[in-house]
């Protein structure tokens, strides 16, 4: 059977699924010849073109996957590096906390040693006196000893009497020991590990979004507080417009289609036009480039550009940066090599290592576009 509506050869299942309600006819010489002539004169030549289209799509997919793969490697390295630092920090904190405990323990130990020394010394003195006199105290005739001018025994007895009085007078030893015991420090720890564990779990949030092949035209674009005119496919930029954002739906840019009044230009994520010299006017002073899909060839950046911003996701080759560019400003891009030798400013989002000597840190200055869909 042939579907007369679609000019396709069909089977019974196709009739029910894809050609319901269409008109059908039997296969004959006339309709067979018509289908063959279309295949011969049209489809066969286009098959070769389709191979080229498929290869181009495959290359585009491979390039996109390469950028995603690079981002994956960067993400893994970031997490690994952060946890390495956390591990070292935890070791330092552990050692510091144990050191604090040891210090307090040593203080308590010193107090205990002092008390032990006092008690030991007192006990020795007490034992010395009691052992000397406990069996002889009643036999001592103090008058006789004192009257004996040639004996110094009474001096020793008087010394022991004074020592005894000091050992028991006003409970001095007990008071001193009690004072020392009051200096003991009762050490406790507050275990906040549960809260810390929970917070560490949230140290990284992993999110995903559609790749730049699925980026749609935004409804609104602002940067540094200024709203940009969104240049979509087949749209016309009004004369006098100074701020323009080129949407990913744009298929081509004709020379002269962007008026010379434009000073600020954003190439939005997914922009897929190969820029060539003359496409962008020489009036542009600030060029902000997002995750575009084509490289920036020589001459594609106007010689009027003074500030070149490479936004999040930019990962294309730059053949040339004009001498007019005074500042290269980096957001979250993987690139580290630029044909540029003047001032480079990196925002906090830029994580790559640069070997250039003229690199400055930068807070972003509200230049990152805010895109609303």
Protein backbone atom coordinates (compact mmCIF):
# COMPACT_ATOMS: atom_id res chain seq x y z
CA UNK A 1 0.00 0.00 0.00
CA UNK A 2 1.02 3.60 -0.58
CA UNK A 3 -0.14 6.52 1.54
CA UNK A 4 -1.34 9.02 -1.05
CA UNK A 5 -1.21 11.78 1.54
CA UNK A 6 2.44 11.26 2.59
CA UNK A 7 3.75 9.53 -0.58
CA UNK A 8 5.16 6.73 1.60
CA UNK A 9 5.03 2.96 1.27
CA UNK A 10 3.20 1.67 4.34
CA UNK A 11 2.33 -1.58 6.08
CA UNK A 12 -0.80 -2.46 8.01
CA UNK A 13 0.77 -1.40 11.31
CA UNK A 14 1.88 1.96 9.87
CA UNK A 15 -1.66 2.62 8.67
CA UNK A 16 -2.95 2.27 12.20
CA UNK A 17 -0.13 4.13 13.96
CA UNK A 18 1.15 6.93 11.74
CA UNK A 19 -1.30 7.30 8.86
CA UNK A 20 -4.67 7.06 10.50
CA UNK A 21 -7.24 8.94 8.40
CA UNK A 22 -4.98 9.28 5.36
CA UNK A 23 -5.85 8.18 1.81
CA UNK A 24 -4.22 5.01 0.47
CA UNK A 25 -3.70 3.37 -2.90
CA UNK A 26 -2.17 0.24 -4.32
CA UNK A 27 1.43 0.17 -5.51
CA UNK A 28 1.51 0.61 -9.28
CA UNK A 29 3.88 1.75 -12.00
CA UNK A 30 2.90 5.40 -11.79
CA UNK A 31 3.31 5.94 -8.07
CA UNK A 32 6.40 3.70 -7.93
CA UNK A 33 8.02 5.78 -10.67
CA UNK A 34 7.14 8.99 -8.83
CA UNK A 35 8.73 7.76 -5.61
CA UNK A 36 11.83 6.50 -7.44
CA UNK A 37 12.33 9.79 -9.32
CA UNK A 38 12.16 11.72 -6.04
CA UNK A 39 14.74 9.35 -4.55
CA UNK A 40 16.98 9.62 -7.62
CA UNK A 41 16.84 13.39 -8.10
CA UNK A 42 16.53 14.59 -4.51
CA UNK A 43 17.02 12.15 -1.66
CA UNK A 44 20.18 10.44 -2.92
CA UNK A 45 22.13 13.70 -3.19
CA UNK A 46 20.87 14.89 0.17
CA UNK A 47 22.05 11.70 1.88
CA UNK A 48 25.66 12.80 1.34
CA UNK A 49 24.81 16.19 2.83
CA UNK A 50 23.18 14.46 5.78
CA UNK A 51 26.46 12.69 6.55
CA UNK A 52 28.14 16.08 6.80
CA UNK A 53 25.35 17.39 9.01
CA UNK A 54 25.58 14.32 11.24
CA UNK A 55 29.36 14.69 11.54
CA UNK A 56 28.97 18.36 12.42
CA UNK A 57 26.43 17.47 15.11
CA UNK A 58 28.77 14.77 16.41
CA UNK A 59 31.67 17.23 16.58
CA UNK A 60 29.42 19.71 18.35
CA UNK A 61 28.37 17.02 20.82
CA UNK A 62 31.99 15.97 21.39
CA UNK A 63 33.05 19.57 22.00
CA UNK A 64 30.19 20.08 24.41
CA UNK A 65 30.97 16.83 26.22
CA UNK A 66 34.64 17.84 26.43
CA UNK A 67 33.66 21.04 28.23
CA UNK A 68 31.39 19.03 30.54
CA UNK A 69 34.20 16.53 31.12
CA UNK A 70 36.62 19.35 31.96
CA UNK A 71 34.05 20.79 34.34
CA UNK A 72 33.62 17.37 35.95
CA UNK A 73 37.38 17.11 36.49
CA UNK A 74 37.43 20.60 37.95
CA UNK A 75 34.53 19.79 40.30
CA UNK A 76 36.18 16.57 41.51
CA UNK A 77 39.49 18.35 42.06
CA UNK A 78 37.75 21.15 43.95
CA UNK A 79 35.98 18.74 46.30
CA UNK A 80 39.16 16.70 46.80
CA UNK A 81 41.22 19.80 47.57
CA UNK A 82 38.67 21.21 49.99
CA UNK A 83 38.42 17.94 51.92
CA UNK A 84 42.21 17.67 52.04
CA UNK A 85 42.31 21.10 53.66
CA UNK A 86 39.48 20.13 56.00
CA UNK A 87 41.35 16.97 57.00
CA UNK A 88 44.47 18.99 57.81
CA UNK A 89 42.36 21.53 59.69
CA UNK A 90 40.66 18.78 61.69
CA UNK A 91 44.07 17.39 62.65
CA UNK A 92 45.18 20.83 63.82
CA UNK A 93 41.96 21.33 65.79
CA UNK A 94 42.28 17.84 67.31
CA UNK A 95 45.86 18.53 68.42
CA UNK A 96 44.90 21.93 69.86
CA UNK A 97 41.98 20.51 71.82
CA UNK A 98 44.09 17.68 73.21
CA UNK A 99 46.81 20.21 74.07
CA UNK A 100 44.25 22.23 76.04
CA UNK A 101 43.19 19.10 77.91
CA UNK A 102 46.80 18.15 78.63
CA UNK A 103 47.53 21.66 79.93
CA UNK A 104 44.58 21.52 82.33
CA UNK A 105 45.53 17.99 83.37
CA UNK A 106 49.12 19.10 84.08
CA UNK A 107 47.82 21.96 86.24
CA UNK A 108 45.71 19.52 88.26
CA UNK A 109 48.67 17.17 88.45
CA UNK A 110 50.89 19.95 89.83
CA UNK A 111 48.28 20.73 92.48
CA UNK A 112 48.13 17.09 93.47
CA UNK A 113 51.92 16.92 93.62
CA UNK A 114 52.06 20.01 95.86
CA UNK A 115 49.45 18.55 98.21
CA UNK A 116 51.30 15.24 98.30
CA UNK A 117 54.56 17.02 99.10
CA UNK A 118 52.98 19.00 101.93
CA UNK A 119 51.35 15.93 103.44
CA UNK A 120 54.53 13.88 103.03
CA UNK A 121 56.72 16.54 104.65
CA UNK A 122 54.28 17.02 107.50
CA UNK A 123 54.03 13.29 108.05
CA UNK A 124 57.80 12.96 108.13
CA UNK A 125 58.10 15.75 110.71
CA UNK A 126 55.31 14.29 112.80
CA UNK A 127 56.82 10.81 112.65
CA UNK A 128 60.24 12.18 113.55
CA UNK A 129 58.90 13.86 116.68
CA UNK A 130 56.50 11.13 117.77
CA UNK A 131 59.03 8.35 117.26
CA UNK A 132 61.58 10.22 119.32
CA UNK A 133 59.34 10.98 122.28
CA UNK A 134 56.45 8.52 122.36
CA UNK A 135 58.34 6.07 124.62
CA UNK A 136 60.54 8.55 126.54
CA UNK A 137 58.42 11.63 127.09
CA UNK A 138 57.52 10.61 130.66
CA UNK A 139 61.13 9.97 131.63
CA UNK A 140 62.40 13.36 130.55
CA UNK A 141 63.27 15.67 133.47
CA UNK A 142 63.24 19.05 131.85
CA UNK A 143 64.53 20.86 134.98
CA UNK A 144 67.54 18.63 135.20
CA UNK A 145 68.28 18.98 131.50
CA UNK A 146 68.07 22.76 131.62
CA UNK A 147 70.28 22.99 134.73
CA UNK A 148 72.89 20.90 133.00
CA UNK A 149 74.88 23.67 131.40
CA UNK A 150 77.02 21.28 129.46
CA UNK A 151 74.04 19.76 127.59
CA UNK A 152 72.15 21.19 124.65
CA UNK A 153 69.42 18.58 124.83
CA UNK A 154 66.90 21.13 126.03
CA UNK A 155 67.43 23.15 122.83
CA UNK A 156 66.41 20.20 120.68
CA UNK A 157 63.39 19.50 122.91
CA UNK A 158 62.26 23.11 122.69
CA UNK A 159 62.67 23.04 118.89
CA UNK A 160 60.46 19.97 118.65
CA UNK A 161 57.91 21.61 120.91
CA UNK A 162 57.73 24.61 118.59
CA UNK A 163 57.52 22.41 115.50
CA UNK A 164 54.68 20.46 117.04
CA UNK A 165 52.81 23.63 117.81
CA UNK A 166 53.23 24.84 114.23
CA UNK A 167 52.09 21.51 112.84
CA UNK A 168 48.81 21.66 114.72
CA UNK A 169 48.30 25.39 115.30
CA UNK A 170 45.14 26.78 113.64
CA UNK A 171 45.03 23.83 111.27
CA UNK A 172 47.46 25.66 108.97
CA UNK A 173 48.33 22.58 106.97
CA UNK A 174 44.71 21.64 106.48
CA UNK A 175 43.86 25.15 105.34
CA UNK A 176 46.73 25.20 102.88
CA UNK A 177 45.76 21.82 101.48
CA UNK A 178 42.11 22.88 101.19
CA UNK A 179 43.17 26.02 99.33
CA UNK A 180 45.14 23.92 96.89
CA UNK A 181 42.25 21.49 96.40
CA UNK A 182 39.99 24.44 95.61
CA UNK A 183 42.28 25.12 92.65
CA UNK A 184 41.49 21.79 91.02
CA UNK A 185 39.76 22.30 87.65
CA UNK A 186 36.90 20.01 86.76
CA UNK A 187 37.25 19.61 82.97
CA UNK A 188 34.26 18.78 80.77
CA UNK A 189 33.80 18.82 77.01
CA UNK A 190 30.72 19.84 75.05
CA UNK A 191 30.37 17.49 72.10
CA UNK A 192 29.10 19.48 69.10
CA UNK A 193 30.25 16.89 66.59
CA UNK A 194 26.71 16.02 65.51
CA UNK A 195 26.01 19.58 64.35
CA UNK A 196 29.41 19.76 62.67
CA UNK A 197 28.82 16.47 60.86
CA UNK A 198 25.48 17.72 59.58
CA UNK A 199 26.99 21.02 58.40
CA UNK A 200 29.86 19.22 56.64
CA UNK A 201 27.33 17.17 54.71
CA UNK A 202 26.02 20.42 53.25
CA UNK A 203 29.45 21.83 52.37
CA UNK A 204 28.83 21.11 48.69
CA UNK A 205 25.54 21.21 46.84
CA UNK A 206 25.55 19.41 43.51
CA UNK A 207 23.05 20.72 41.00
CA UNK A 208 22.59 20.24 37.30
CA UNK A 209 20.98 22.22 34.54
CA UNK A 210 20.37 21.85 30.84
CA UNK A 211 23.43 22.23 28.66
CA UNK A 212 23.85 25.21 26.38
CA UNK A 213 22.30 23.26 23.50
CA UNK A 214 18.97 23.62 25.31
CA UNK A 215 19.31 27.29 26.18
CA UNK A 216 16.25 29.34 25.27
CA UNK A 217 16.00 33.01 24.51
CA UNK A 218 15.63 34.97 27.75
CA UNK A 219 12.84 37.41 28.46
CA UNK A 220 15.03 39.92 30.25
CA UNK A 221 18.76 40.60 30.59
CA UNK A 222 20.32 43.13 32.96
CA UNK A 223 23.92 43.88 33.89
CA UNK A 224 25.28 46.56 36.22
CA UNK A 225 21.67 47.64 36.76
CA UNK A 226 21.02 48.32 33.03
CA UNK A 227 18.47 46.38 30.97
CA UNK A 228 19.68 45.14 27.58
CA UNK A 229 17.73 44.94 24.34
CA UNK A 230 17.48 41.24 23.42
CA UNK A 231 18.42 40.71 19.79
CA UNK A 232 16.59 37.58 18.62
CA UNK A 233 16.56 35.90 15.22
CA UNK A 234 15.15 38.24 12.55
CA UNK A 235 14.56 41.05 15.04
CA UNK A 236 15.57 44.66 14.37
CA UNK A 237 17.60 46.69 16.85
CA UNK A 238 16.20 50.23 17.12
CA UNK A 239 18.62 53.02 16.25
CA UNK A 240 20.05 54.70 19.33
CA UNK A 241 20.14 51.45 21.34
CA UNK A 242 23.29 51.30 23.49
CA UNK A 243 22.93 47.97 25.33
CA UNK A 244 22.27 44.75 23.37
CA UNK A 245 22.25 41.05 24.30
CA UNK A 246 22.35 38.61 21.39
CA UNK A 247 20.11 35.59 22.02
CA UNK A 248 20.99 31.98 21.10
CA UNK A 249 18.15 31.88 18.52
CA UNK A 250 20.10 34.22 16.23
CA UNK A 251 21.22 32.21 13.19
CA UNK A 252 23.28 34.86 11.43
CA UNK A 253 24.43 38.44 11.89
CA UNK A 254 24.46 40.62 8.82
CA UNK A 255 27.05 43.37 8.71
CA UNK A 256 25.26 46.56 9.67
CA UNK A 257 22.40 44.82 11.47
CA UNK A 258 23.78 46.04 14.80
CA UNK A 259 23.71 49.86 14.87
CA UNK A 260 26.81 51.86 15.75
CA UNK A 261 25.01 53.32 18.75
CA UNK A 262 25.64 50.03 20.61
CA UNK A 263 28.38 50.39 23.23
CA UNK A 264 27.63 47.36 25.43
CA UNK A 265 27.13 43.90 23.91
CA UNK A 266 26.47 40.51 25.53
CA UNK A 267 26.84 37.22 23.64
CA UNK A 268 24.50 34.97 25.61
CA UNK A 269 24.96 31.27 26.41
CA UNK A 270 24.28 29.08 23.38
CA UNK A 271 25.09 31.78 20.80
CA UNK A 272 26.06 29.70 17.75
CA UNK A 273 27.13 32.10 15.02
CA UNK A 274 30.72 32.10 13.81
CA UNK A 275 31.66 35.73 14.22
CA UNK A 276 33.80 37.25 11.50
CA UNK A 277 35.39 40.63 11.05
CA UNK A 278 32.81 43.37 10.56
CA UNK A 279 29.82 41.54 12.05
CA UNK A 280 30.13 43.47 15.30
CA UNK A 281 30.37 47.26 14.93
CA UNK A 282 33.46 49.24 15.89
CA UNK A 283 31.38 51.19 18.40
CA UNK A 284 31.34 48.40 21.03
CA UNK A 285 33.42 49.26 24.08
CA UNK A 286 32.25 46.58 26.52
CA UNK A 287 31.95 43.00 25.23
CA UNK A 288 30.59 40.30 27.55
CA UNK A 289 30.93 36.75 26.21
CA UNK A 290 29.04 33.82 27.71
CA UNK A 291 29.12 30.10 26.93
CA UNK A 292 29.06 30.57 23.17
CA UNK A 293 29.55 27.64 20.79
CA UNK A 294 32.03 29.04 18.28
CA UNK A 295 35.62 30.28 18.73
CA UNK A 296 36.53 33.96 18.59
CA UNK A 297 38.52 34.23 15.39
CA UNK A 298 40.99 36.92 14.46
CA UNK A 299 39.15 40.15 13.72
CA UNK A 300 35.88 39.00 15.31
CA UNK A 301 36.40 41.25 18.36
CA UNK A 302 36.07 44.90 17.30
CA UNK A 303 39.11 47.14 17.75
CA UNK A 304 36.94 49.51 19.78
CA UNK A 305 36.49 47.07 22.70
CA UNK A 306 38.17 48.30 25.89
CA UNK A 307 36.81 45.76 28.39
CA UNK A 308 36.42 42.08 27.48
CA UNK A 309 34.42 39.95 29.94
CA UNK A 310 34.61 36.14 29.77
CA UNK A 311 31.51 34.94 31.60
CA UNK A 312 30.59 31.62 33.24
CA UNK A 313 31.04 28.63 30.95
CA UNK A 314 33.10 30.36 28.26
CA UNK A 315 35.44 27.71 26.87
CA UNK A 316 36.23 28.69 23.28
CA UNK A 317 39.55 29.45 21.66
CA UNK A 318 40.45 33.12 21.27
CA UNK A 319 42.69 33.74 18.28
CA UNK A 320 43.28 37.41 18.96
CA UNK A 321 42.47 40.07 21.53
CA UNK A 322 42.77 43.57 20.04
CA UNK A 323 45.27 46.08 21.41
CA UNK A 324 42.33 48.32 22.30
CA UNK A 325 41.35 45.97 25.15
CA UNK A 326 42.63 47.50 28.38
CA UNK A 327 41.09 44.99 30.77
CA UNK A 328 40.38 41.26 30.52
CA UNK A 329 37.84 40.30 33.19
CA UNK A 330 37.30 36.64 34.09
CA UNK A 331 34.36 34.86 35.65
CA UNK A 332 33.91 31.06 35.86
CA UNK A 333 35.81 29.99 32.74
CA UNK A 334 38.29 27.14 32.37
CA UNK A 335 40.65 29.07 30.11
CA UNK A 336 44.12 29.90 31.41
CA UNK A 337 45.95 31.00 28.25
CA UNK A 338 45.05 34.23 26.52
CA UNK A 339 46.72 36.18 23.69
CA UNK A 340 46.87 39.16 26.01
CA UNK A 341 49.53 40.93 28.09
CA UNK A 342 47.72 43.81 29.81
CA UNK A 343 45.65 43.93 33.00
CA UNK A 344 43.74 40.77 33.92
CA UNK A 345 41.03 40.84 36.58
CA UNK A 346 39.65 37.62 38.05
CA UNK A 347 36.46 37.42 40.05
CA UNK A 348 36.01 35.09 43.02
CA UNK A 349 34.35 32.61 40.63
CA UNK A 350 37.53 32.15 38.61
CA UNK A 351 39.38 29.17 40.13
CA UNK A 352 42.17 28.53 37.63
CA UNK A 353 45.86 29.24 38.23
CA UNK A 354 47.38 31.95 36.06
CA UNK A 355 51.04 32.51 35.28
CA UNK A 356 50.59 36.13 34.22
CA UNK A 357 52.24 38.79 36.39
CA UNK A 358 49.56 41.45 35.99
CA UNK A 359 46.65 39.56 37.58
CA UNK A 360 44.33 41.36 40.00
CA UNK A 361 41.51 40.09 42.19
CA UNK A 362 38.14 41.67 41.49
CA UNK A 363 34.71 41.56 43.13
CA UNK A 364 32.77 41.36 39.84
CA UNK A 365 31.36 44.86 40.12
CA UNK A 366 27.77 43.71 39.32
CA UNK A 367 28.84 43.09 35.72
CA UNK A 368 27.66 39.48 35.64
CA UNK A 369 24.42 39.47 33.60
CA UNK A 370 21.17 38.61 35.35
CA UNK A 371 19.11 36.53 32.94
CA UNK A 372 15.38 35.90 33.33
CA UNK A 373 13.46 33.32 31.31
